[in-house]
Amino acid sequence: MFEFKNNKLWMIGISAVFIIQSIILFFWEETKFLTFANILILLASVIGYGRWRFYKKFQNDVLKYLDKEVSLPDSILTETDILHLPKPVKKYIRYTGSVGQPKINNFKIIFNGKIRKDDQSEWMPFTSEQYNFPGSSVRLFFMKAVMKKLPVAGYHCFIDGDAFMDIRLLSLFKVQYLEGEEMDMAETVTFFNDICCMAPGVN
């Protein structure tokens, strides 16, 4: 699971590397063999920084829309609210029991599972965190997975009809980036699918 916090251990690691390496240089003959271990700490810290920075982008986008919706009033979904909708849609909303329940302004979804590119690919375990803001037409989806024993992170961002998908190895190196008309259409469908399946009581 993801937690809404800043994991800045990488800062400690990088600081420690410079301090330790200074000591190593001062006592070079006795401690030079420790340089290799210091390099490993530096690499781990750089990867930690990449993970923090990539997730922080998602975090900031989520907080932006959460702050925007703080003042939205709570209200109940009524028959009057759905009068303008097509009959099949009204029937579905009633079937889900959403009428008479609080209107949904936003929602969060956590997934754990496995994913693969096609039927020839290996399954990749993943955890994802997603926030939807229907009133603003926003869907923000962040995923952490493991591919060939290496960590992979992905950010799907859909804001008012414009979308992109950014997949990165070690949260640093882009392995896939998609945007444009086809991506916009695909994420629009996903956005409405989320509402139908997860929150039919959206106003």
C-alpha atoms as a PDB file:
ATOM      1  CA  MET A   1       0.000   0.000   0.000  1.00  0.00           C
ATOM      2  CA  PHE A   2       1.037   3.567  -0.598  1.00  0.00           C
ATOM      3  CA  GLU A   3       1.014   6.111   2.186  1.00  0.00           C
ATOM      4  CA  PHE A   4       0.686   9.827   1.750  1.00  0.00           C
ATOM      5  CA  LYS A   5       4.058  10.738   3.198  1.00  0.00           C
ATOM      6  CA  ASN A   6       7.426  11.928   1.959  1.00  0.00           C
ATOM      7  CA  ASN A   7      10.045   9.209   2.170  1.00  0.00           C
ATOM      8  CA  LYS A   8      13.289  11.164   2.144  1.00  0.00           C
ATOM      9  CA  LEU A   9      15.722   8.522   3.318  1.00  0.00           C
ATOM     10  CA  TRP A  10      17.602   9.142   0.075  1.00  0.00           C
ATOM     11  CA  MET A  11      18.636  12.537   1.467  1.00  0.00           C
ATOM     12  CA  ILE A  12      20.239  10.862   4.470  1.00  0.00           C
ATOM     13  CA  GLY A  13      21.953   8.367   2.176  1.00  0.00           C
ATOM     14  CA  ILE A  14      23.464  11.003  -0.101  1.00  0.00           C
ATOM     15  CA  SER A  15      24.627  13.093   2.859  1.00  0.00           C
ATOM     16  CA  ALA A  16      26.172  10.020   4.449  1.00  0.00           C
ATOM     17  CA  VAL A  17      28.017   9.167   1.230  1.00  0.00           C
ATOM     18  CA  PHE A  18      29.804  12.520   1.133  1.00  0.00           C
ATOM     19  CA  ILE A  19      30.681  12.417   4.826  1.00  0.00           C
ATOM     20  CA  ILE A  20      31.933   8.830   4.691  1.00  0.00           C
ATOM     21  CA  GLN A  21      33.884   9.393   1.476  1.00  0.00           C
ATOM     22  CA  SER A  22      35.608  12.407   3.016  1.00  0.00           C
ATOM     23  CA  ILE A  23      36.739  10.203   5.886  1.00  0.00           C
ATOM     24  CA  ILE A  24      37.835   7.488   3.438  1.00  0.00           C
ATOM     25  CA  LEU A  25      39.947   9.982   1.476  1.00  0.00           C
ATOM     26  CA  PHE A  26      41.537  11.235   4.677  1.00  0.00           C
ATOM     27  CA  PHE A  27      42.522   7.686   5.677  1.00  0.00           C
ATOM     28  CA  TRP A  28      42.840   6.406   2.117  1.00  0.00           C
ATOM     29  CA  GLU A  29      45.354   3.600   2.543  1.00  0.00           C
ATOM     30  CA  GLU A  30      43.441   1.985   5.396  1.00  0.00           C
ATOM     31  CA  THR A  31      39.881   2.565   4.157  1.00  0.00           C
ATOM     32  CA  LYS A  32      39.955   2.798   0.343  1.00  0.00           C
ATOM     33  CA  PHE A  33      38.211  -0.585   0.020  1.00  0.00           C
ATOM     34  CA  LEU A  34      35.090   1.024   1.569  1.00  0.00           C
ATOM     35  CA  THR A  35      34.654   3.211  -1.542  1.00  0.00           C
ATOM     36  CA  PHE A  36      32.842   0.375  -3.335  1.00  0.00           C
ATOM     37  CA  ALA A  37      30.307   0.096  -0.521  1.00  0.00           C
ATOM     38  CA  ASN A  38      29.882   3.857  -0.640  1.00  0.00           C
ATOM     39  CA  ILE A  39      29.122   3.687  -4.374  1.00  0.00           C
ATOM     40  CA  LEU A  40      26.398   1.129  -3.677  1.00  0.00           C
ATOM     41  CA  ILE A  41      24.871   3.432  -1.053  1.00  0.00           C
ATOM     42  CA  LEU A  42      24.967   6.293  -3.564  1.00  0.00           C
ATOM     43  CA  LEU A  43      23.205   4.205  -6.230  1.00  0.00           C
ATOM     44  CA  ALA A  44      20.524   3.161  -3.758  1.00  0.00           C
ATOM     45  CA  SER A  45      20.061   6.801  -2.732  1.00  0.00           C
ATOM     46  CA  VAL A  46      19.709   7.949  -6.350  1.00  0.00           C
ATOM     47  CA  ILE A  47      17.051   5.292  -6.959  1.00  0.00           C
ATOM     48  CA  GLY A  48      15.309   6.371  -3.755  1.00  0.00           C
ATOM     49  CA  TYR A  49      15.344   9.963  -4.980  1.00  0.00           C
ATOM     50  CA  GLY A  50      13.830   8.892  -8.304  1.00  0.00           C
ATOM     51  CA  ARG A  51      11.034   7.013  -6.580  1.00  0.00           C
ATOM     52  CA  TRP A  52      10.304   9.950  -4.266  1.00  0.00           C
ATOM     53  CA  ARG A  53      10.312  12.511  -7.069  1.00  0.00           C
ATOM     54  CA  PHE A  54       8.101  10.478  -9.446  1.00  0.00           C
ATOM     55  CA  TYR A  55       5.531   9.674  -6.756  1.00  0.00           C
ATOM     56  CA  LYS A  56       5.674  13.276  -5.518  1.00  0.00           C
ATOM     57  CA  LYS A  57       4.386  14.471  -8.902  1.00  0.00           C
ATOM     58  CA  PHE A  58       1.341  12.228  -8.502  1.00  0.00           C
ATOM     59  CA  GLN A  59       0.956  13.355  -4.883  1.00  0.00           C
ATOM     60  CA  ASN A  60       0.982  17.027  -5.798  1.00  0.00           C
ATOM     61  CA  ASP A  61      -1.661  16.538  -8.494  1.00  0.00           C
ATOM     62  CA  VAL A  62      -3.910  14.682  -6.046  1.00  0.00           C
ATOM     63  CA  LEU A  63      -3.530  17.315  -3.340  1.00  0.00           C
ATOM     64  CA  LYS A  64      -4.336  20.052  -5.851  1.00  0.00           C
ATOM     65  CA  TYR A  65      -7.774  18.570  -6.539  1.00  0.00           C
ATOM     66  CA  LEU A  66      -8.438  17.501  -2.956  1.00  0.00           C
ATOM     67  CA  ASP A  67      -7.870  21.100  -1.857  1.00  0.00           C
ATOM     68  CA  LYS A  68     -10.126  22.296  -4.646  1.00  0.00           C
ATOM     69  CA  GLU A  69     -13.019  20.148  -3.426  1.00  0.00           C
ATOM     70  CA  VAL A  70     -12.749  20.860   0.308  1.00  0.00           C
ATOM     71  CA  SER A  71     -15.613  23.369   0.147  1.00  0.00           C
ATOM     72  CA  LEU A  72     -18.014  21.163  -1.847  1.00  0.00           C
ATOM     73  CA  PRO A  73     -21.269  20.728   0.100  1.00  0.00           C
ATOM     74  CA  ASP A  74     -22.557  17.310   1.132  1.00  0.00           C
ATOM     75  CA  SER A  75     -25.931  16.420  -0.363  1.00  0.00           C
ATOM     76  CA  ILE A  76     -28.161  13.445  -1.130  1.00  0.00           C
ATOM     77  CA  LEU A  77     -28.768  12.067  -4.636  1.00  0.00           C
ATOM     78  CA  THR A  78     -32.474  12.349  -5.445  1.00  0.00           C
ATOM     79  CA  GLU A  79     -34.780  11.348  -8.277  1.00  0.00           C
ATOM     80  CA  THR A  80     -34.788  14.980  -9.377  1.00  0.00           C
ATOM     81  CA  ASP A  81     -31.014  14.832  -9.932  1.00  0.00           C
ATOM     82  CA  ILE A  82     -31.333  11.985 -12.447  1.00  0.00           C
ATOM     83  CA  LEU A  83     -34.460  13.101 -14.335  1.00  0.00           C
ATOM     84  CA  HIS A  84     -32.431  14.366 -17.302  1.00  0.00           C
ATOM     85  CA  LEU A  85     -30.580  11.077 -17.803  1.00  0.00           C
ATOM     86  CA  PRO A  86     -31.497   8.373 -20.356  1.00  0.00           C
ATOM     87  CA  LYS A  87     -33.815   5.628 -19.048  1.00  0.00           C
ATOM     88  CA  PRO A  88     -31.140   2.857 -19.013  1.00  0.00           C
ATOM     89  CA  VAL A  89     -28.830   5.095 -16.978  1.00  0.00           C
ATOM     90  CA  LYS A  90     -31.577   5.984 -14.496  1.00  0.00           C
ATOM     91  CA  LYS A  91     -32.484   2.321 -14.177  1.00  0.00           C
ATOM     92  CA  TYR A  92     -28.871   1.399 -13.446  1.00  0.00           C
ATOM     93  CA  ILE A  93     -28.437   4.141 -10.831  1.00  0.00           C
ATOM     94  CA  ARG A  94     -31.598   3.019  -9.057  1.00  0.00           C
ATOM     95  CA  TYR A  95     -30.480  -0.621  -9.270  1.00  0.00           C
ATOM     96  CA  THR A  96     -27.203   0.204  -7.519  1.00  0.00           C
ATOM     97  CA  GLY A  97     -29.101   1.794  -4.644  1.00  0.00           C
ATOM     98  CA  SER A  98     -27.426   5.161  -5.165  1.00  0.00           C
ATOM     99  CA  VAL A  99     -30.632   7.208  -4.964  1.00  0.00           C
ATOM    100  CA  GLY A 100     -31.093   8.427  -1.412  1.00  0.00           C
ATOM    101  CA  GLN A 101     -27.380   8.079  -0.674  1.00  0.00           C
ATOM    102  CA  PRO A 102     -24.784  10.890  -0.377  1.00  0.00           C
ATOM    103  CA  LYS A 103     -23.526  12.231  -3.704  1.00  0.00           C
ATOM    104  CA  ILE A 104     -19.959  11.225  -4.513  1.00  0.00           C
ATOM    105  CA  ASN A 105     -17.612  14.121  -5.218  1.00  0.00           C
ATOM    106  CA  ASN A 106     -14.425  12.053  -5.388  1.00  0.00           C
ATOM    107  CA  PHE A 107     -13.209   8.578  -4.591  1.00  0.00           C
ATOM    108  CA  LYS A 108     -10.035   6.579  -4.033  1.00  0.00           C
ATOM    109  CA  ILE A 109      -9.276   3.022  -5.149  1.00  0.00           C
ATOM    110  CA  ILE A 110      -6.443   0.716  -4.073  1.00  0.00           C
ATOM    111  CA  PHE A 111      -5.645  -2.345  -6.201  1.00  0.00           C
ATOM    112  CA  ASN A 112      -3.305  -5.280  -5.616  1.00  0.00           C
ATOM    113  CA  GLY A 113      -2.862  -7.831  -8.359  1.00  0.00           C
ATOM    114  CA  LYS A 114      -0.890  -8.987 -11.360  1.00  0.00           C
ATOM    115  CA  ILE A 115      -0.647  -7.526 -14.846  1.00  0.00           C
ATOM    116  CA  ARG A 116       0.987  -8.465 -18.135  1.00  0.00           C
ATOM    117  CA  LYS A 117       1.410  -6.943 -21.573  1.00  0.00           C
ATOM    118  CA  ASP A 118       0.046  -9.917 -23.544  1.00  0.00           C
ATOM    119  CA  ASP A 119      -0.574 -13.662 -23.208  1.00  0.00           C
ATOM    120  CA  GLN A 120       3.093 -14.362 -23.941  1.00  0.00           C
ATOM    121  CA  SER A 121       4.434 -12.111 -21.189  1.00  0.00           C
ATOM    122  CA  GLU A 122       5.117 -12.957 -17.567  1.00  0.00           C
ATOM    123  CA  TRP A 123       2.724 -11.723 -14.904  1.00  0.00           C
ATOM    124  CA  MET A 124       3.974  -8.702 -12.960  1.00  0.00           C
ATOM    125  CA  PRO A 125       2.754  -8.156  -9.363  1.00  0.00           C
ATOM    126  CA  PHE A 126       1.581  -4.593  -8.788  1.00  0.00           C
ATOM    127  CA  THR A 127      -0.033  -2.218  -6.324  1.00  0.00           C
ATOM    128  CA  SER A 128      -1.888   0.851  -7.515  1.00  0.00           C
ATOM    129  CA  GLU A 129      -3.385   3.950  -5.973  1.00  0.00           C
ATOM    130  CA  GLN A 130      -6.027   5.943  -7.804  1.00  0.00           C
ATOM    131  CA  TYR A 131      -8.032   9.112  -7.209  1.00  0.00           C
ATOM    132  CA  ASN A 132     -11.027  10.185  -9.297  1.00  0.00           C
ATOM    133  CA  PHE A 133     -12.575  13.653  -9.266  1.00  0.00           C
ATOM    134  CA  PRO A 134     -15.686  13.370 -11.480  1.00  0.00           C
ATOM    135  CA  GLY A 135     -16.709  17.010 -11.161  1.00  0.00           C
ATOM    136  CA  SER A 136     -13.341  18.123 -12.530  1.00  0.00           C
ATOM    137  CA  SER A 137     -13.068  15.234 -15.041  1.00  0.00           C
ATOM    138  CA  VAL A 138      -9.829  14.062 -13.434  1.00  0.00           C
ATOM    139  CA  ARG A 139      -8.423  10.553 -12.937  1.00  0.00           C
ATOM    140  CA  LEU A 140      -4.965  10.111 -11.366  1.00  0.00           C
ATOM    141  CA  PHE A 141      -3.534   6.585 -11.256  1.00  0.00           C
ATOM    142  CA  PHE A 142      -0.149   5.542  -9.872  1.00  0.00           C
ATOM    143  CA  MET A 143       1.174   1.983 -10.058  1.00  0.00           C
ATOM    144  CA  LYS A 144       4.184   0.174  -8.631  1.00  0.00           C
ATOM    145  CA  ALA A 145       5.113  -3.151 -10.223  1.00  0.00           C
ATOM    146  CA  VAL A 146       8.009  -5.588 -10.540  1.00  0.00           C
ATOM    147  CA  MET A 147       9.233  -6.530 -14.030  1.00  0.00           C
ATOM    148  CA  LYS A 148      12.050  -9.062 -14.382  1.00  0.00           C
ATOM    149  CA  LYS A 149      12.796  -8.551 -10.675  1.00  0.00           C
ATOM    150  CA  LEU A 150      13.250  -4.796 -11.186  1.00  0.00           C
ATOM    151  CA  PRO A 151      10.881  -2.133  -9.787  1.00  0.00           C
ATOM    152  CA  VAL A 152       8.762  -0.294 -12.341  1.00  0.00           C
ATOM    153  CA  ALA A 153       6.443   2.651 -11.657  1.00  0.00           C
ATOM    154  CA  GLY A 154       3.731   4.124 -13.849  1.00  0.00           C
ATOM    155  CA  TYR A 155       1.632   7.273 -13.744  1.00  0.00           C
ATOM    156  CA  HIS A 156      -1.613   7.579 -15.741  1.00  0.00           C
ATOM    157  CA  CYS A 157      -2.921  11.142 -15.690  1.00  0.00           C
ATOM    158  CA  PHE A 158      -6.283  12.196 -17.157  1.00  0.00           C
ATOM    159  CA  ILE A 159      -7.345  15.824 -16.759  1.00  0.00           C
ATOM    160  CA  ASP A 160     -10.351  17.247 -18.596  1.00  0.00           C
ATOM    161  CA  GLY A 161      -9.940  15.072 -21.685  1.00  0.00           C
ATOM    162  CA  ASP A 162      -6.136  15.176 -21.936  1.00  0.00           C
ATOM    163  CA  ALA A 163      -4.157  12.113 -20.856  1.00  0.00           C
ATOM    164  CA  PHE A 164      -0.673  10.665 -20.703  1.00  0.00           C
ATOM    165  CA  MET A 165       0.891   7.423 -19.489  1.00  0.00           C
ATOM    166  CA  ASP A 166       4.453   7.502 -18.134  1.00  0.00           C
ATOM    167  CA  ILE A 167       6.131   4.163 -17.303  1.00  0.00           C
ATOM    168  CA  ARG A 168       9.604   4.241 -15.721  1.00  0.00           C
ATOM    169  CA  LEU A 169      12.169   1.648 -14.729  1.00  0.00           C
ATOM    170  CA  LEU A 170      13.457   2.328 -11.192  1.00  0.00           C
ATOM    171  CA  SER A 171      11.197   5.427 -11.368  1.00  0.00           C
ATOM    172  CA  LEU A 172      14.050   7.069 -13.296  1.00  0.00           C
ATOM    173  CA  PHE A 173      14.231   5.761 -16.858  1.00  0.00           C
ATOM    174  CA  LYS A 174      11.260   6.111 -19.191  1.00  0.00           C
ATOM    175  CA  VAL A 175      10.461   2.794 -20.868  1.00  0.00           C
ATOM    176  CA  GLN A 176       7.128   3.902 -22.293  1.00  0.00           C
ATOM    177  CA  TYR A 177       5.394   7.234 -22.685  1.00  0.00           C
ATOM    178  CA  LEU A 178       2.068   7.678 -24.475  1.00  0.00           C
ATOM    179  CA  GLU A 179      -0.081  10.714 -25.160  1.00  0.00           C
ATOM    180  CA  GLY A 180      -2.267  12.031 -27.960  1.00  0.00           C
ATOM    181  CA  GLU A 181      -5.748  11.406 -29.328  1.00  0.00           C
ATOM    182  CA  GLU A 182      -5.843   7.625 -28.857  1.00  0.00           C
ATOM    183  CA  MET A 183      -4.601   7.909 -25.292  1.00  0.00           C
ATOM    184  CA  ASP A 184      -7.156  10.639 -24.549  1.00  0.00           C
ATOM    185  CA  MET A 185      -9.978   8.447 -25.863  1.00  0.00           C
ATOM    186  CA  ALA A 186      -8.824   5.366 -23.959  1.00  0.00           C
ATOM    187  CA  GLU A 187      -8.537   7.214 -20.655  1.00  0.00           C
ATOM    188  CA  THR A 188     -11.922   8.905 -21.206  1.00  0.00           C
ATOM    189  CA  VAL A 189     -13.532   5.478 -21.515  1.00  0.00           C
ATOM    190  CA  THR A 190     -11.675   4.310 -18.392  1.00  0.00           C
ATOM    191  CA  PHE A 191     -12.787   7.427 -16.508  1.00  0.00           C
ATOM    192  CA  PHE A 192     -16.478   6.725 -17.226  1.00  0.00           C
ATOM    193  CA  ASN A 193     -16.017   3.015 -16.589  1.00  0.00           C
ATOM    194  CA  ASP A 194     -14.682   3.821 -13.100  1.00  0.00           C
ATOM    195  CA  ILE A 195     -17.789   5.897 -12.366  1.00  0.00           C
ATOM    196  CA  CYS A 196     -20.162   3.172 -13.562  1.00  0.00           C
ATOM    197  CA  CYS A 197     -18.436   0.388 -11.634  1.00  0.00           C
ATOM    198  CA  MET A 198     -17.136   2.160  -8.545  1.00  0.00           C
ATOM    199  CA  ALA A 199     -19.273   5.256  -7.960  1.00  0.00           C
ATOM    200  CA  PRO A 200     -22.628   5.326  -9.799  1.00  0.00           C
ATOM    201  CA  GLY A 201     -23.824   7.872  -7.246  1.00  0.00           C
ATOM    202  CA  VAL A 202     -21.661  10.590  -8.766  1.00  0.00           C
ATOM    203  CA  ASN A 203     -23.668  13.778  -9.259  1.00  0.00           C
END
